[in-house]
């Protein structure tokens, strides 16, 4: 069974790039368009990593990570936040919510692959 990643971003193009990039290295991707959709999906699924956009229409990504980590089965799942904004507080907030990395858009597909592989947990 392939590892799986939950990708939450309201931008279709970003979700497609992430899906295509990770599928090329045998990682299954489940995508969500907003926080509510992500919480619905996450309720019943385990993931090896979560990629969370900071700027979601219904909740900021930092708050969403806190909610996702409330699920027992996702408590130790690493999260990477990504954003197109340039806010100096994002580094601090990333650490505060326990996210393992911050990725700035636009990112290269190689950078995405490297960061995902470096931070993903694989459960035997």
C-alpha atoms as a PDB file:
ATOM      1  CA  UNK A   1       0.000   0.000   0.000  1.00  0.00           C
ATOM      2  CA  UNK A   2       1.335   3.409  -0.970  1.00  0.00           C
ATOM      3  CA  UNK A   3       1.776   6.176   1.590  1.00  0.00           C
ATOM      4  CA  UNK A   4      -0.917   8.857   1.464  1.00  0.00           C
ATOM      5  CA  UNK A   5      -0.923  12.622   1.779  1.00  0.00           C
ATOM      6  CA  UNK A   6      -3.853  14.946   2.491  1.00  0.00           C
ATOM      7  CA  UNK A   7      -3.559  18.187   0.490  1.00  0.00           C
ATOM      8  CA  UNK A   8      -5.743  21.133   1.494  1.00  0.00           C
ATOM      9  CA  UNK A   9      -5.773  24.123  -0.854  1.00  0.00           C
ATOM     10  CA  UNK A  10      -8.586  26.111  -2.446  1.00  0.00           C
ATOM     11  CA  UNK A  11      -6.547  26.574  -5.642  1.00  0.00           C
ATOM     12  CA  UNK A  12      -7.218  23.810  -8.156  1.00  0.00           C
ATOM     13  CA  UNK A  13      -3.930  24.363  -9.989  1.00  0.00           C
ATOM     14  CA  UNK A  14      -1.895  23.860  -6.817  1.00  0.00           C
ATOM     15  CA  UNK A  15      -3.808  20.708  -5.898  1.00  0.00           C
ATOM     16  CA  UNK A  16      -3.241  19.302  -9.392  1.00  0.00           C
ATOM     17  CA  UNK A  17       0.495  20.058  -9.335  1.00  0.00           C
ATOM     18  CA  UNK A  18       0.835  18.406  -5.927  1.00  0.00           C
ATOM     19  CA  UNK A  19      -1.220  15.382  -6.990  1.00  0.00           C
ATOM     20  CA  UNK A  20       0.738  14.878 -10.213  1.00  0.00           C
ATOM     21  CA  UNK A  21       4.106  15.360  -8.510  1.00  0.00           C
ATOM     22  CA  UNK A  22       3.447  12.961  -5.647  1.00  0.00           C
ATOM     23  CA  UNK A  23       1.731  10.300  -7.727  1.00  0.00           C
ATOM     24  CA  UNK A  24       4.890  10.147  -9.853  1.00  0.00           C
ATOM     25  CA  UNK A  25       6.727   8.846  -6.759  1.00  0.00           C
ATOM     26  CA  UNK A  26       3.973   6.407  -5.733  1.00  0.00           C
ATOM     27  CA  UNK A  27       2.322   8.557  -3.070  1.00  0.00           C
ATOM     28  CA  UNK A  28      -1.474   8.565  -2.996  1.00  0.00           C
ATOM     29  CA  UNK A  29      -3.030  12.002  -2.671  1.00  0.00           C
ATOM     30  CA  UNK A  30      -6.418  12.954  -1.271  1.00  0.00           C
ATOM     31  CA  UNK A  31      -7.345  16.583  -1.798  1.00  0.00           C
ATOM     32  CA  UNK A  32      -9.699  18.963  -0.027  1.00  0.00           C
ATOM     33  CA  UNK A  33     -10.828  22.395  -1.218  1.00  0.00           C
ATOM     34  CA  UNK A  34     -11.311  23.941   2.217  1.00  0.00           C
ATOM     35  CA  UNK A  35     -11.017  23.263   5.951  1.00  0.00           C
ATOM     36  CA  UNK A  36     -14.521  21.841   6.355  1.00  0.00           C
ATOM     37  CA  UNK A  37     -13.901  19.356   3.548  1.00  0.00           C
ATOM     38  CA  UNK A  38     -10.518  18.406   5.056  1.00  0.00           C
ATOM     39  CA  UNK A  39     -12.026  17.764   8.484  1.00  0.00           C
ATOM     40  CA  UNK A  40     -14.745  15.614   6.946  1.00  0.00           C
ATOM     41  CA  UNK A  41     -12.189  13.521   5.051  1.00  0.00           C
ATOM     42  CA  UNK A  42      -9.729  13.306   7.943  1.00  0.00           C
ATOM     43  CA  UNK A  43     -12.327  11.986  10.359  1.00  0.00           C
ATOM     44  CA  UNK A  44     -12.122   8.506   8.812  1.00  0.00           C
ATOM     45  CA  UNK A  45      -8.728   8.359   7.100  1.00  0.00           C
ATOM     46  CA  UNK A  46      -5.114   8.022   8.150  1.00  0.00           C
ATOM     47  CA  UNK A  47      -2.437   9.987   6.298  1.00  0.00           C
ATOM     48  CA  UNK A  48       1.355   9.895   6.364  1.00  0.00           C
ATOM     49  CA  UNK A  49       1.568  13.667   5.865  1.00  0.00           C
ATOM     50  CA  UNK A  50      -0.683  16.705   5.539  1.00  0.00           C
ATOM     51  CA  UNK A  51       0.033  19.649   3.215  1.00  0.00           C
ATOM     52  CA  UNK A  52      -1.996  22.646   4.358  1.00  0.00           C
ATOM     53  CA  UNK A  53      -2.371  26.022   2.662  1.00  0.00           C
ATOM     54  CA  UNK A  54      -2.354  28.892   5.154  1.00  0.00           C
ATOM     55  CA  UNK A  55      -4.948  30.962   3.262  1.00  0.00           C
ATOM     56  CA  UNK A  56      -8.123  28.898   3.108  1.00  0.00           C
ATOM     57  CA  UNK A  57     -11.539  30.478   2.556  1.00  0.00           C
ATOM     58  CA  UNK A  58     -13.190  29.108   5.705  1.00  0.00           C
ATOM     59  CA  UNK A  59     -10.356  28.862   8.252  1.00  0.00           C
ATOM     60  CA  UNK A  60      -6.664  29.668   8.312  1.00  0.00           C
ATOM     61  CA  UNK A  61      -4.342  26.716   7.839  1.00  0.00           C
ATOM     62  CA  UNK A  62      -2.783  27.040  11.291  1.00  0.00           C
ATOM     63  CA  UNK A  63      -6.172  26.691  12.971  1.00  0.00           C
ATOM     64  CA  UNK A  64      -6.995  23.784  10.685  1.00  0.00           C
ATOM     65  CA  UNK A  65      -3.833  21.943  11.745  1.00  0.00           C
ATOM     66  CA  UNK A  66      -4.866  22.347  15.387  1.00  0.00           C
ATOM     67  CA  UNK A  67      -8.276  20.834  14.553  1.00  0.00           C
ATOM     68  CA  UNK A  68      -6.771  17.980  12.530  1.00  0.00           C
ATOM     69  CA  UNK A  69      -4.396  17.122  15.370  1.00  0.00           C
ATOM     70  CA  UNK A  70      -7.449  16.633  17.627  1.00  0.00           C
ATOM     71  CA  UNK A  71      -8.128  13.374  15.800  1.00  0.00           C
ATOM     72  CA  UNK A  72      -6.238  10.680  17.699  1.00  0.00           C
ATOM     73  CA  UNK A  73      -5.130   8.930  14.498  1.00  0.00           C
ATOM     74  CA  UNK A  74      -3.605  12.182  13.132  1.00  0.00           C
ATOM     75  CA  UNK A  75      -2.052  13.507  16.337  1.00  0.00           C
ATOM     76  CA  UNK A  76       1.472  12.501  15.288  1.00  0.00           C
ATOM     77  CA  UNK A  77       1.021  13.035  11.555  1.00  0.00           C
ATOM     78  CA  UNK A  78       3.457  15.653  10.263  1.00  0.00           C
ATOM     79  CA  UNK A  79       2.090  18.737   8.547  1.00  0.00           C
ATOM     80  CA  UNK A  80       3.751  21.061   6.063  1.00  0.00           C
ATOM     81  CA  UNK A  81       2.192  24.471   5.562  1.00  0.00           C
ATOM     82  CA  UNK A  82       2.502  26.327   2.294  1.00  0.00           C
ATOM     83  CA  UNK A  83       1.662  29.829   1.222  1.00  0.00           C
ATOM     84  CA  UNK A  84       2.133  32.495  -1.414  1.00  0.00           C
ATOM     85  CA  UNK A  85       2.182  35.285   1.149  1.00  0.00           C
ATOM     86  CA  UNK A  86       5.334  36.690   2.691  1.00  0.00           C
ATOM     87  CA  UNK A  87       4.520  37.142   6.356  1.00  0.00           C
ATOM     88  CA  UNK A  88       7.418  37.035   8.827  1.00  0.00           C
ATOM     89  CA  UNK A  89       5.087  35.646  11.517  1.00  0.00           C
ATOM     90  CA  UNK A  90       4.380  32.505   9.470  1.00  0.00           C
ATOM     91  CA  UNK A  91       7.647  30.850  10.577  1.00  0.00           C
ATOM     92  CA  UNK A  92       6.729  31.331  14.222  1.00  0.00           C
ATOM     93  CA  UNK A  93       3.134  30.171  13.737  1.00  0.00           C
ATOM     94  CA  UNK A  94       4.373  27.120  11.809  1.00  0.00           C
ATOM     95  CA  UNK A  95       6.436  26.075  14.821  1.00  0.00           C
ATOM     96  CA  UNK A  96       3.647  26.915  17.288  1.00  0.00           C
ATOM     97  CA  UNK A  97       1.177  24.509  15.668  1.00  0.00           C
ATOM     98  CA  UNK A  98       3.804  21.784  15.389  1.00  0.00           C
ATOM     99  CA  UNK A  99       4.104  21.835  11.610  1.00  0.00           C
ATOM    100  CA  UNK A 100       7.403  20.416  10.409  1.00  0.00           C
ATOM    101  CA  UNK A 101       8.057  22.713   7.459  1.00  0.00           C
ATOM    102  CA  UNK A 102       6.967  25.841   5.591  1.00  0.00           C
ATOM    103  CA  UNK A 103       6.968  25.863   1.797  1.00  0.00           C
ATOM    104  CA  UNK A 104       6.593  29.068  -0.197  1.00  0.00           C
ATOM    105  CA  UNK A 105       4.639  29.189  -3.451  1.00  0.00           C
ATOM    106  CA  UNK A 106       5.598  28.984  -6.169  1.00  0.00           C
ATOM    107  CA  UNK A 107       7.659  25.908  -5.373  1.00  0.00           C
ATOM    108  CA  UNK A 108       9.435  23.535  -7.719  1.00  0.00           C
ATOM    109  CA  UNK A 109       8.216  19.979  -8.046  1.00  0.00           C
ATOM    110  CA  UNK A 110      11.656  18.767  -6.928  1.00  0.00           C
ATOM    111  CA  UNK A 111      11.456  20.896  -3.783  1.00  0.00           C
ATOM    112  CA  UNK A 112       7.969  19.512  -3.074  1.00  0.00           C
ATOM    113  CA  UNK A 113       9.126  15.910  -3.522  1.00  0.00           C
ATOM    114  CA  UNK A 114      12.186  16.459  -1.327  1.00  0.00           C
ATOM    115  CA  UNK A 115      10.255  18.070   1.512  1.00  0.00           C
ATOM    116  CA  UNK A 116       7.474  15.494   1.435  1.00  0.00           C
ATOM    117  CA  UNK A 117       9.889  12.554   1.444  1.00  0.00           C
ATOM    118  CA  UNK A 118      11.990  14.121   4.200  1.00  0.00           C
ATOM    119  CA  UNK A 119       9.024  14.755   6.504  1.00  0.00           C
ATOM    120  CA  UNK A 120       6.593  11.944   5.802  1.00  0.00           C
ATOM    121  CA  UNK A 121       6.026   9.239   8.391  1.00  0.00           C
ATOM    122  CA  UNK A 122       5.832   5.689   7.155  1.00  0.00           C
ATOM    123  CA  UNK A 123       3.980   3.314   9.429  1.00  0.00           C
ATOM    124  CA  UNK A 124       5.052  -0.283   9.071  1.00  0.00           C
END
